N, C-alpha and C. Protein backbone atom coordinates (compact mmCIF):
# COMPACT_ATOMS: atom_id res chain seq x y z
N MET A 1 38.64 -10.50 -64.94
CA MET A 1 38.54 -9.15 -65.55
C MET A 1 38.95 -8.11 -64.41
N ARG A 2 39.60 -7.17 -64.95
CA ARG A 2 39.97 -6.14 -64.09
C ARG A 2 39.07 -4.94 -64.06
N ILE A 3 38.79 -4.47 -62.64
CA ILE A 3 37.84 -3.48 -62.62
C ILE A 3 38.58 -2.09 -61.93
N ALA A 4 38.31 -1.01 -62.28
CA ALA A 4 39.04 0.10 -61.43
C ALA A 4 37.94 0.54 -60.54
N VAL A 5 38.33 0.93 -59.29
CA VAL A 5 37.38 1.45 -58.23
C VAL A 5 37.95 2.78 -57.79
N ILE A 6 37.07 3.80 -57.79
CA ILE A 6 37.33 5.34 -57.41
C ILE A 6 36.32 5.81 -56.49
N SER A 7 36.64 6.77 -55.66
CA SER A 7 35.85 7.37 -54.83
C SER A 7 36.08 8.60 -54.37
N ASP A 8 35.25 9.67 -54.00
CA ASP A 8 35.68 11.00 -53.48
C ASP A 8 36.43 11.77 -54.31
N VAL A 9 35.90 12.04 -55.39
CA VAL A 9 36.77 12.89 -56.40
C VAL A 9 36.55 14.25 -56.10
N HIS A 10 35.52 14.61 -55.73
CA HIS A 10 35.40 16.04 -55.12
C HIS A 10 35.76 17.09 -56.11
N ASN A 11 35.34 16.92 -57.53
CA ASN A 11 35.53 17.76 -58.40
C ASN A 11 37.17 17.97 -58.90
N ASN A 12 37.90 17.23 -58.39
CA ASN A 12 39.38 17.30 -58.87
C ASN A 12 39.81 16.63 -60.19
N MET A 13 39.42 17.33 -61.13
CA MET A 13 39.32 17.01 -62.76
C MET A 13 40.77 16.48 -63.10
N ALA A 14 41.75 17.15 -62.46
CA ALA A 14 43.12 16.84 -62.92
C ALA A 14 43.48 15.29 -62.60
N ASN A 15 43.01 14.96 -61.06
CA ASN A 15 43.39 13.75 -60.84
C ASN A 15 42.52 12.83 -61.46
N LEU A 16 41.17 12.99 -61.79
CA LEU A 16 40.31 12.27 -62.35
C LEU A 16 40.74 11.87 -63.76
N SER A 17 41.29 13.02 -64.40
CA SER A 17 41.78 12.63 -65.84
C SER A 17 43.08 11.81 -65.81
N LYS A 18 43.96 12.01 -64.80
CA LYS A 18 45.16 11.10 -64.82
C LYS A 18 44.87 9.82 -64.51
N THR A 19 43.90 9.58 -63.70
CA THR A 19 43.40 8.20 -63.27
C THR A 19 42.70 7.42 -64.53
N LEU A 20 42.01 8.20 -65.23
CA LEU A 20 41.33 7.60 -66.31
C LEU A 20 42.29 7.34 -67.51
N GLN A 21 43.17 8.07 -67.71
CA GLN A 21 44.42 7.82 -68.66
C GLN A 21 44.91 6.51 -68.25
N PHE A 22 45.40 6.45 -67.07
CA PHE A 22 45.98 5.08 -66.56
C PHE A 22 45.21 3.97 -66.77
N ILE A 23 43.84 4.14 -66.48
CA ILE A 23 42.92 3.07 -66.62
C ILE A 23 42.67 2.70 -68.24
N LYS A 24 42.74 3.61 -69.03
CA LYS A 24 42.67 3.38 -70.32
C LYS A 24 43.90 2.57 -71.12
N LYS A 25 44.96 3.08 -70.46
CA LYS A 25 46.25 2.36 -70.90
C LYS A 25 46.33 1.12 -70.54
N GLU A 26 45.68 0.67 -69.26
CA GLU A 26 45.59 -0.78 -68.76
C GLU A 26 44.51 -1.46 -69.39
N ASN A 27 43.79 -0.90 -70.29
CA ASN A 27 42.78 -1.54 -70.93
C ASN A 27 41.67 -2.21 -70.03
N ILE A 28 41.28 -1.39 -69.04
CA ILE A 28 40.36 -1.71 -68.01
C ILE A 28 38.96 -1.27 -68.61
N LYS A 29 37.91 -2.09 -68.54
CA LYS A 29 36.58 -1.61 -69.18
C LYS A 29 35.72 -1.51 -68.21
N ILE A 30 35.64 -1.69 -66.92
CA ILE A 30 34.83 -1.39 -65.98
C ILE A 30 35.23 -0.61 -64.88
N LEU A 31 34.39 0.46 -64.48
CA LEU A 31 34.94 1.40 -63.56
C LEU A 31 33.67 1.54 -62.65
N LEU A 32 34.07 1.39 -61.19
CA LEU A 32 33.10 1.67 -60.23
C LEU A 32 33.38 2.82 -59.48
N CYS A 33 32.39 3.65 -59.19
CA CYS A 33 32.65 4.83 -58.48
C CYS A 33 31.72 4.93 -57.16
N CYS A 34 32.49 4.81 -56.09
CA CYS A 34 31.75 4.80 -54.58
C CYS A 34 31.34 6.35 -54.24
N GLY A 35 31.04 7.26 -55.07
CA GLY A 35 30.28 8.37 -54.74
C GLY A 35 31.18 9.47 -54.50
N ASP A 36 30.49 10.68 -54.12
CA ASP A 36 31.11 11.92 -54.01
C ASP A 36 31.95 12.38 -55.29
N LEU A 37 31.46 12.20 -56.62
CA LEU A 37 31.94 12.94 -57.80
C LEU A 37 32.35 14.48 -57.49
N GLY A 38 31.01 15.00 -56.92
CA GLY A 38 31.13 16.40 -56.49
C GLY A 38 30.31 17.21 -57.53
N SER A 39 29.94 17.10 -58.60
CA SER A 39 29.12 17.99 -59.47
C SER A 39 28.64 17.33 -60.63
N LYS A 40 27.93 17.82 -61.32
CA LYS A 40 27.32 17.15 -62.59
C LYS A 40 28.19 17.40 -63.82
N GLU A 41 29.05 18.46 -63.58
CA GLU A 41 30.12 18.56 -64.67
C GLU A 41 31.21 17.52 -64.39
N THR A 42 31.58 16.99 -63.25
CA THR A 42 32.43 16.05 -62.94
C THR A 42 31.94 14.64 -63.49
N LEU A 43 30.63 14.63 -63.33
CA LEU A 43 30.09 13.38 -63.81
C LEU A 43 30.11 13.28 -65.47
N GLU A 44 29.85 14.59 -65.97
CA GLU A 44 29.88 14.61 -67.51
C GLU A 44 31.03 14.36 -67.96
N SER A 45 32.16 14.85 -67.43
CA SER A 45 33.52 14.53 -67.84
C SER A 45 33.80 13.13 -67.60
N LEU A 46 33.49 12.53 -66.65
CA LEU A 46 33.84 11.09 -66.52
C LEU A 46 33.15 10.31 -67.57
N ASN A 47 31.96 10.56 -67.80
CA ASN A 47 31.12 9.82 -69.03
C ASN A 47 31.81 10.39 -70.29
N LYS A 48 32.68 11.43 -70.60
CA LYS A 48 32.93 11.77 -71.79
C LYS A 48 34.52 10.94 -71.94
N GLN A 49 35.18 10.74 -70.70
CA GLN A 49 36.46 10.45 -70.85
C GLN A 49 36.59 9.01 -70.73
N PHE A 50 35.62 8.38 -70.14
CA PHE A 50 35.66 6.68 -70.01
C PHE A 50 34.53 6.22 -70.82
N LEU A 51 34.92 5.35 -71.84
CA LEU A 51 34.14 4.76 -72.67
C LEU A 51 33.59 3.41 -72.37
N GLY A 52 34.08 2.89 -71.28
CA GLY A 52 33.80 1.63 -70.88
C GLY A 52 32.52 1.60 -69.88
N GLN A 53 32.32 0.67 -69.27
CA GLN A 53 31.11 0.47 -68.42
C GLN A 53 31.18 1.05 -67.01
N ILE A 54 30.32 2.12 -66.61
CA ILE A 54 30.48 2.91 -65.45
C ILE A 54 29.39 2.55 -64.61
N GLU A 55 29.71 2.20 -63.55
CA GLU A 55 28.76 1.90 -62.34
C GLU A 55 29.03 2.85 -61.27
N ARG A 56 28.14 3.52 -60.82
CA ARG A 56 28.41 4.47 -59.62
C ARG A 56 27.15 4.47 -58.68
N VAL A 57 27.50 4.91 -57.52
CA VAL A 57 26.64 5.17 -56.50
C VAL A 57 26.74 6.65 -55.97
N SER A 58 25.79 7.27 -55.41
CA SER A 58 25.72 8.73 -54.99
C SER A 58 26.22 8.74 -53.52
N GLY A 59 27.08 9.76 -53.25
CA GLY A 59 27.50 9.94 -52.01
C GLY A 59 26.81 11.20 -51.34
N ASN A 60 27.18 11.61 -50.18
CA ASN A 60 26.57 12.66 -49.29
C ASN A 60 26.73 14.04 -50.33
N LEU A 61 27.98 14.16 -50.73
CA LEU A 61 28.09 15.29 -51.71
C LEU A 61 27.26 15.37 -52.88
N ASP A 62 27.27 14.23 -53.47
CA ASP A 62 26.31 14.12 -54.70
C ASP A 62 24.83 14.37 -54.49
N LYS A 63 24.42 14.05 -53.33
CA LYS A 63 23.19 14.22 -52.90
C LYS A 63 22.90 15.72 -52.76
N GLU A 64 23.89 16.40 -52.00
CA GLU A 64 23.76 17.94 -51.90
C GLU A 64 23.69 18.74 -53.16
N MET A 65 24.57 17.99 -54.28
CA MET A 65 24.36 18.66 -55.50
C MET A 65 23.48 18.01 -56.55
N GLU A 66 22.50 17.38 -55.94
CA GLU A 66 21.39 16.69 -56.76
C GLU A 66 21.85 15.83 -57.92
N ILE A 67 22.81 15.03 -57.65
CA ILE A 67 23.37 13.96 -58.72
C ILE A 67 22.70 12.67 -58.19
N ASP A 68 21.67 12.46 -59.03
CA ASP A 68 21.06 11.08 -58.64
C ASP A 68 21.86 9.75 -58.96
N GLY A 69 21.50 8.75 -58.06
CA GLY A 69 22.11 7.76 -58.10
C GLY A 69 21.83 6.84 -56.88
N PRO A 70 21.91 5.41 -56.96
CA PRO A 70 21.44 4.66 -55.88
C PRO A 70 22.43 4.71 -54.64
N ASP A 71 21.88 4.37 -53.41
CA ASP A 71 22.84 4.31 -52.39
C ASP A 71 23.85 2.98 -52.27
N LYS A 72 23.41 1.94 -53.00
CA LYS A 72 24.26 0.78 -53.08
C LYS A 72 24.15 0.06 -54.63
N LYS A 73 24.87 -0.50 -55.01
CA LYS A 73 24.81 -1.40 -56.35
C LYS A 73 25.43 -2.50 -56.40
N GLU A 74 24.95 -3.69 -56.98
CA GLU A 74 25.44 -5.02 -56.88
C GLU A 74 25.74 -5.32 -58.30
N LEU A 75 26.87 -6.19 -58.47
CA LEU A 75 27.06 -6.89 -59.87
C LEU A 75 27.63 -7.99 -59.50
N ILE A 76 27.63 -8.79 -60.59
CA ILE A 76 28.44 -10.13 -60.44
C ILE A 76 29.30 -10.08 -61.82
N VAL A 77 30.74 -10.25 -61.56
CA VAL A 77 31.52 -10.36 -62.66
C VAL A 77 32.49 -11.48 -62.46
N ASN A 78 32.49 -12.49 -63.35
CA ASN A 78 33.31 -13.75 -63.26
C ASN A 78 33.01 -14.56 -61.93
N GLN A 79 31.63 -14.73 -61.76
CA GLN A 79 31.01 -15.50 -60.57
C GLN A 79 31.41 -14.69 -59.24
N LYS A 80 31.86 -13.62 -59.20
CA LYS A 80 32.31 -12.71 -58.06
C LYS A 80 31.15 -11.75 -57.74
N ARG A 81 30.65 -11.94 -56.55
CA ARG A 81 29.46 -11.07 -56.17
C ARG A 81 30.19 -9.79 -55.42
N ILE A 82 29.75 -8.53 -56.23
CA ILE A 82 30.46 -7.46 -55.91
C ILE A 82 29.34 -6.61 -55.41
N VAL A 83 29.59 -5.68 -54.53
CA VAL A 83 28.57 -4.75 -53.88
C VAL A 83 29.44 -3.56 -53.63
N PHE A 84 28.84 -2.21 -53.76
CA PHE A 84 29.49 -1.03 -53.37
C PHE A 84 28.43 0.08 -52.86
N THR A 85 28.97 0.95 -52.20
CA THR A 85 28.36 1.92 -51.70
C THR A 85 29.22 3.02 -51.25
N HIS A 86 28.83 4.20 -50.74
CA HIS A 86 29.62 5.36 -50.36
C HIS A 86 29.89 5.13 -48.86
N TYR A 87 29.02 4.55 -48.07
CA TYR A 87 28.88 4.85 -46.75
C TYR A 87 29.67 3.57 -46.00
N PRO A 88 30.60 3.88 -45.15
CA PRO A 88 31.45 2.80 -44.33
C PRO A 88 30.36 1.92 -43.62
N GLN A 89 29.40 2.58 -42.75
CA GLN A 89 28.58 1.59 -42.00
C GLN A 89 27.78 0.64 -42.64
N GLU A 90 27.27 1.10 -43.86
CA GLU A 90 26.53 0.23 -44.73
C GLU A 90 27.46 -0.77 -45.42
N ALA A 91 28.65 -0.40 -45.88
CA ALA A 91 29.50 -1.42 -46.30
C ALA A 91 29.99 -2.50 -45.37
N ARG A 92 30.24 -2.18 -44.03
CA ARG A 92 30.43 -3.03 -43.05
C ARG A 92 29.40 -4.05 -42.93
N ARG A 93 27.79 -3.62 -42.90
CA ARG A 93 26.80 -4.42 -42.78
C ARG A 93 26.74 -5.42 -43.81
N LEU A 94 27.21 -4.84 -45.04
CA LEU A 94 27.02 -5.65 -46.22
C LEU A 94 28.03 -6.81 -46.27
N ALA A 95 29.30 -6.48 -45.70
CA ALA A 95 30.47 -7.43 -45.50
C ALA A 95 29.95 -8.50 -44.58
N LYS A 96 29.36 -7.89 -43.58
CA LYS A 96 29.04 -9.04 -42.38
C LYS A 96 27.97 -10.17 -42.92
N SER A 97 27.08 -9.64 -43.86
CA SER A 97 26.07 -10.56 -44.33
C SER A 97 26.62 -11.67 -45.22
N GLN A 98 27.78 -11.66 -45.54
CA GLN A 98 28.53 -12.65 -46.16
C GLN A 98 27.98 -13.21 -47.44
N LYS A 99 27.09 -12.21 -48.07
CA LYS A 99 26.51 -12.54 -49.26
C LYS A 99 27.42 -12.18 -50.46
N TYR A 100 28.46 -11.42 -50.16
CA TYR A 100 29.17 -11.01 -51.25
C TYR A 100 31.08 -11.25 -51.08
N ASP A 101 31.42 -11.30 -52.37
CA ASP A 101 32.94 -11.69 -52.30
C ASP A 101 33.89 -10.48 -51.92
N ILE A 102 33.27 -9.25 -52.43
CA ILE A 102 34.01 -8.17 -52.06
C ILE A 102 33.05 -6.95 -52.10
N VAL A 103 33.18 -5.95 -51.02
CA VAL A 103 32.43 -4.75 -50.87
C VAL A 103 33.58 -3.68 -50.81
N PHE A 104 32.97 -2.66 -51.66
CA PHE A 104 33.86 -1.35 -51.86
C PHE A 104 32.84 -0.18 -51.09
N TYR A 105 33.64 0.73 -50.64
CA TYR A 105 32.96 2.07 -50.05
C TYR A 105 33.86 3.13 -50.23
N GLY A 106 33.61 4.32 -49.77
CA GLY A 106 34.23 5.61 -49.90
C GLY A 106 34.14 6.33 -48.60
N HIS A 107 33.76 7.56 -48.78
CA HIS A 107 33.59 8.53 -47.57
C HIS A 107 34.72 9.01 -46.59
N THR A 108 35.37 7.95 -46.33
CA THR A 108 36.45 8.25 -45.24
C THR A 108 37.66 8.97 -45.92
N HIS A 109 37.95 8.74 -47.05
CA HIS A 109 39.26 9.02 -47.87
C HIS A 109 40.39 8.15 -47.64
N LYS A 110 40.19 7.30 -46.65
CA LYS A 110 41.27 6.48 -46.28
C LYS A 110 41.23 5.15 -47.00
N PRO A 111 42.32 4.78 -47.75
CA PRO A 111 42.58 3.38 -48.24
C PRO A 111 42.56 2.44 -47.04
N TRP A 112 41.75 1.37 -47.33
CA TRP A 112 41.72 0.53 -46.20
C TRP A 112 41.03 -0.73 -46.91
N GLN A 113 41.58 -1.93 -46.41
CA GLN A 113 41.23 -3.27 -46.57
C GLN A 113 41.33 -4.13 -45.31
N GLU A 114 40.16 -4.91 -45.35
CA GLU A 114 40.15 -5.92 -44.27
C GLU A 114 39.19 -7.16 -44.64
N LYS A 115 39.40 -8.16 -44.12
CA LYS A 115 38.51 -9.40 -44.40
C LYS A 115 37.58 -9.61 -43.29
N ILE A 116 36.34 -9.76 -43.49
CA ILE A 116 35.36 -10.02 -42.66
C ILE A 116 34.73 -11.43 -43.11
N GLY A 117 35.08 -12.37 -42.27
CA GLY A 117 34.53 -13.79 -42.78
C GLY A 117 35.29 -14.04 -44.08
N ARG A 118 34.44 -14.52 -45.06
CA ARG A 118 35.03 -14.70 -46.47
C ARG A 118 34.97 -13.38 -47.44
N THR A 119 34.45 -12.34 -46.89
CA THR A 119 34.35 -11.17 -47.67
C THR A 119 35.42 -10.01 -47.42
N ILE A 120 35.89 -9.54 -48.49
CA ILE A 120 37.05 -8.49 -48.47
C ILE A 120 36.32 -7.12 -48.44
N LEU A 121 36.55 -6.18 -47.51
CA LEU A 121 35.90 -4.81 -47.29
C LEU A 121 37.22 -3.90 -47.73
N VAL A 122 36.76 -3.03 -48.78
CA VAL A 122 37.73 -2.21 -49.23
C VAL A 122 37.47 -0.81 -49.64
N ASN A 123 38.34 0.16 -49.03
CA ASN A 123 38.05 1.68 -49.36
C ASN A 123 39.31 1.84 -50.32
N PRO A 124 39.03 2.52 -51.70
CA PRO A 124 40.01 2.66 -52.56
C PRO A 124 40.73 4.06 -52.36
N GLY A 125 40.32 4.59 -51.16
CA GLY A 125 40.84 5.95 -51.01
C GLY A 125 40.10 7.09 -51.58
N ASN A 126 40.76 8.17 -51.95
CA ASN A 126 40.16 9.28 -52.46
C ASN A 126 40.91 9.85 -53.78
N LEU A 127 40.20 10.43 -54.83
CA LEU A 127 40.97 10.96 -55.81
C LEU A 127 41.18 12.58 -55.70
N GLU A 128 40.48 12.92 -54.70
CA GLU A 128 40.56 14.44 -54.32
C GLU A 128 42.05 14.62 -53.75
N GLY A 129 42.58 13.79 -53.21
CA GLY A 129 43.76 14.01 -52.51
C GLY A 129 43.92 14.79 -51.13
N THR A 130 42.56 14.66 -50.46
CA THR A 130 42.66 15.52 -49.17
C THR A 130 43.00 14.25 -47.99
N PHE A 131 43.53 14.65 -46.77
CA PHE A 131 43.77 13.86 -45.69
C PHE A 131 44.80 12.63 -46.29
N TYR A 132 44.72 12.11 -47.36
CA TYR A 132 45.56 11.04 -47.62
C TYR A 132 45.85 11.02 -49.23
N PRO A 133 47.10 10.64 -49.72
CA PRO A 133 47.30 10.82 -51.18
C PRO A 133 46.20 10.24 -51.96
N ALA A 134 46.02 11.00 -53.24
CA ALA A 134 45.07 10.44 -54.22
C ALA A 134 45.37 9.07 -54.54
N SER A 135 44.33 8.27 -54.36
CA SER A 135 44.40 6.73 -54.64
C SER A 135 43.07 6.23 -55.37
N PHE A 136 43.34 5.05 -55.90
CA PHE A 136 42.29 4.36 -56.38
C PHE A 136 42.52 2.80 -56.31
N ALA A 137 41.75 1.81 -56.64
CA ALA A 137 41.91 0.51 -56.56
C ALA A 137 41.81 -0.20 -57.82
N ILE A 138 42.48 -1.29 -58.03
CA ILE A 138 42.14 -2.28 -59.18
C ILE A 138 41.84 -3.67 -58.79
N TYR A 139 40.69 -4.18 -58.92
CA TYR A 139 40.30 -5.45 -58.55
C TYR A 139 40.36 -6.33 -59.75
N ASP A 140 41.00 -7.61 -59.54
CA ASP A 140 40.86 -8.47 -60.62
C ASP A 140 39.93 -9.59 -60.37
N SER A 141 38.76 -9.81 -60.86
CA SER A 141 37.74 -10.53 -60.34
C SER A 141 38.13 -12.27 -60.83
N GLU A 142 39.16 -12.39 -61.59
CA GLU A 142 39.58 -13.78 -61.72
C GLU A 142 40.64 -14.26 -60.85
N THR A 143 41.29 -13.53 -60.16
CA THR A 143 42.26 -13.91 -59.38
C THR A 143 41.93 -13.53 -57.92
N ASN A 144 40.83 -12.61 -57.73
CA ASN A 144 40.50 -12.04 -56.54
C ASN A 144 41.54 -11.19 -55.92
N GLY A 145 42.55 -10.67 -56.93
CA GLY A 145 43.53 -9.82 -56.38
C GLY A 145 43.30 -8.29 -56.47
N LEU A 146 43.96 -7.58 -55.42
CA LEU A 146 43.59 -6.25 -55.29
C LEU A 146 44.72 -5.37 -55.18
N GLU A 147 44.88 -4.21 -56.08
CA GLU A 147 45.99 -3.35 -55.97
C GLU A 147 45.44 -2.00 -55.52
N LEU A 148 46.32 -1.44 -54.71
CA LEU A 148 46.09 0.07 -54.42
C LEU A 148 47.13 1.05 -55.13
N LYS A 149 46.49 1.87 -55.82
CA LYS A 149 47.46 2.67 -56.87
C LYS A 149 47.36 4.16 -56.30
N ILE A 150 48.63 4.64 -55.95
CA ILE A 150 48.83 5.93 -55.28
C ILE A 150 49.03 6.68 -56.75
N LEU A 151 48.21 7.74 -56.90
CA LEU A 151 48.41 8.62 -57.98
C LEU A 151 49.60 9.11 -58.44
N GLN A 152 50.25 9.75 -57.54
CA GLN A 152 51.59 10.36 -57.65
C GLN A 152 52.61 9.52 -57.99
N ASP A 153 52.59 8.36 -57.38
CA ASP A 153 53.71 7.25 -57.88
C ASP A 153 53.37 6.91 -59.29
N LEU A 154 52.30 6.83 -59.92
CA LEU A 154 52.08 6.50 -61.22
C LEU A 154 52.61 7.40 -62.23
N TYR A 155 52.80 8.64 -61.85
CA TYR A 155 53.27 9.76 -62.63
C TYR A 155 54.73 10.39 -62.47
N GLN A 156 55.47 9.68 -61.55
CA GLN A 156 56.80 10.17 -61.03
C GLN A 156 57.90 9.70 -62.20
N LYS A 157 58.65 10.60 -62.54
CA LYS A 157 59.71 10.25 -63.55
C LYS A 157 60.86 9.46 -62.80
């Protein structure tokens, strides 16, 4: 099963909408958000635009804007143990525990992937498009494959 992973939207509704259009076209039914949507309006827009399963955690900006959510979330898809959080230090700690197949996080805006023991540690980048180009990840739980999608590359003619 393919899973889309986003982070750090920071109220960039245009980039969120473009990303969700791509995800819908690809028939992806699960979306993980690693925090920092930015506002309750952005959360409402996400909930309206994506009709599949949405799993999310809160980031520092979400907490400031009083958007409730857990600090971390775990799920199992195709026997793959997945956990995600907003914070890099927590993600690294979770990866080092070796309890998970893959750990996702946000906050830094920088797309990143590394292997810690048997666990893959991944930051999908950010949808806001600050510091680095807007990006997100697609994870395939059947093949353990991971793709980084650069938003501007998806919509160039």
